[in-house]
Amino acid sequence: MNHPVAGARPLSQSSDSRFAELQLLRSRIDEQDLRILRAIEERGRIVEDVLVLKQSAGFPAFDAIRERQLLQRLQVTYRGPYHWQEVEQVFRTLLEMSRTLRAPTR
């Protein structure tokens, strides 16, 4: 049984054209996955810079208030389609990954 997905176009085309559309959508997902990966890499490099600065200034590496503010700010601007709790978990994972980084020796 076909259940329409909110915002999806009806699939009344031939099987070949539906497969071509599926391939196109998968290609778009692949592009987004690569963009997410590059953004994670860049975020990690910025975190390393922050750690170097904090270390040289004698600031603590972990800032629970900043993390809480980050999550609150993101929640206010989030527009879906996933449940916020799932997206929040992704960001909590990124924050945990950031806590395990060490300032690079330069």
Protein backbone atom coordinates (compact mmCIF):
# COMPACT_ATOMS: atom_id res chain seq x y z
CA MET A 1 0.00 0.00 0.00
CA ASN A 2 1.35 3.45 -0.91
CA HIS A 3 1.35 5.94 1.91
CA PRO A 4 2.04 9.50 0.79
CA VAL A 5 4.85 11.30 2.57
CA ALA A 6 4.19 14.90 3.56
CA GLY A 7 5.73 17.17 0.95
CA ALA A 8 6.59 14.32 -1.43
CA ARG A 9 5.54 14.39 -5.05
CA PRO A 10 3.07 11.74 -6.18
CA LEU A 11 4.72 8.75 -7.84
CA SER A 12 2.45 8.26 -10.86
CA GLN A 13 5.32 8.04 -13.36
CA SER A 14 6.72 4.94 -14.98
CA SER A 15 8.99 2.64 -13.02
CA ASP A 16 12.05 3.83 -14.99
CA SER A 17 11.41 7.48 -14.27
CA ARG A 18 10.73 6.73 -10.61
CA PHE A 19 14.03 4.87 -10.40
CA ALA A 20 15.80 7.82 -12.05
CA GLU A 21 14.18 10.18 -9.56
CA LEU A 22 15.22 7.88 -6.71
CA GLN A 23 18.81 7.94 -7.97
CA LEU A 24 18.71 11.73 -8.16
CA LEU A 25 17.40 12.01 -4.61
CA ARG A 26 20.04 9.57 -3.36
CA SER A 27 22.69 11.64 -5.10
CA ARG A 28 21.41 14.73 -3.30
CA ILE A 29 21.62 12.83 0.02
CA ASP A 30 25.19 11.80 -0.82
CA GLU A 31 26.08 15.45 -1.45
CA GLN A 32 24.55 16.47 1.88
CA ASP A 33 26.39 13.68 3.69
CA LEU A 34 29.69 14.97 2.30
CA ARG A 35 28.80 18.54 3.33
CA ILE A 36 27.99 17.29 6.85
CA LEU A 37 31.29 15.41 7.01
CA ARG A 38 33.28 18.48 5.90
CA ALA A 39 31.39 20.64 8.42
CA ILE A 40 32.25 18.19 11.22
CA GLU A 41 35.90 18.29 10.18
CA GLU A 42 35.92 22.08 10.16
CA ARG A 43 34.13 22.22 13.51
CA GLY A 44 36.81 19.97 14.98
CA ARG A 45 39.58 22.22 13.69
CA ILE A 46 37.86 25.25 15.21
CA VAL A 47 37.47 23.37 18.52
CA GLU A 48 41.21 22.66 18.44
CA ASP A 49 41.86 26.40 18.01
CA VAL A 50 39.52 27.16 20.92
CA LEU A 51 41.36 24.62 23.07
CA VAL A 52 44.73 26.21 22.26
CA LEU A 53 43.38 29.64 23.19
CA LYS A 54 41.75 28.40 26.39
CA GLN A 55 44.89 26.54 27.39
CA SER A 56 47.12 29.59 26.82
CA ALA A 57 44.70 31.82 28.75
CA GLY A 58 44.24 29.35 31.59
CA PHE A 59 40.51 28.93 30.93
CA PRO A 60 38.79 25.62 31.64
CA ALA A 61 38.31 23.49 28.52
CA PHE A 62 34.70 22.55 29.36
CA ASP A 63 31.91 25.14 29.57
CA ALA A 64 28.58 23.55 30.51
CA ILE A 65 26.73 26.89 30.32
CA ARG A 66 27.93 27.48 26.76
CA GLU A 67 26.86 23.97 25.74
CA ARG A 68 23.41 24.46 27.26
CA GLN A 69 23.05 27.84 25.50
CA LEU A 70 24.11 26.25 22.20
CA LEU A 71 21.44 23.56 22.45
CA GLN A 72 18.77 26.09 23.43
CA ARG A 73 19.71 28.38 20.52
CA LEU A 74 19.61 25.49 18.06
CA GLN A 75 16.27 24.24 19.35
CA VAL A 76 14.68 27.66 18.85
CA THR A 77 15.82 27.79 15.22
CA TYR A 78 15.22 24.13 14.33
CA ARG A 79 12.51 23.59 11.68
CA GLY A 80 12.31 19.80 11.29
CA PRO A 81 11.59 17.29 9.86
CA TYR A 82 13.23 15.11 12.52
CA HIS A 83 12.15 15.20 16.15
CA TRP A 84 14.21 17.76 18.05
CA GLN A 85 15.32 15.14 20.59
CA GLU A 86 17.00 13.18 17.79
CA VAL A 87 18.79 16.24 16.45
CA GLU A 88 19.76 17.24 19.97
CA GLN A 89 21.40 13.83 20.39
CA VAL A 90 23.50 14.46 17.27
CA PHE A 91 24.72 17.74 18.74
CA ARG A 92 25.33 16.18 22.14
CA THR A 93 27.48 13.60 20.36
CA LEU A 94 29.41 16.39 18.63
CA LEU A 95 29.91 18.11 21.98
CA GLU A 96 31.16 14.87 23.52
CA MET A 97 33.54 14.39 20.58
CA SER A 98 34.80 17.92 21.17
CA ARG A 99 35.48 17.17 24.84
CA THR A 100 37.71 14.27 23.83
CA LEU A 101 39.88 16.42 21.54
CA ARG A 102 43.17 17.72 22.82
CA ALA A 103 44.80 20.99 21.89
CA PRO A 104 47.22 20.25 19.05
CA THR A 105 50.88 20.92 19.68
CA ARG A 106 51.98 23.71 17.40
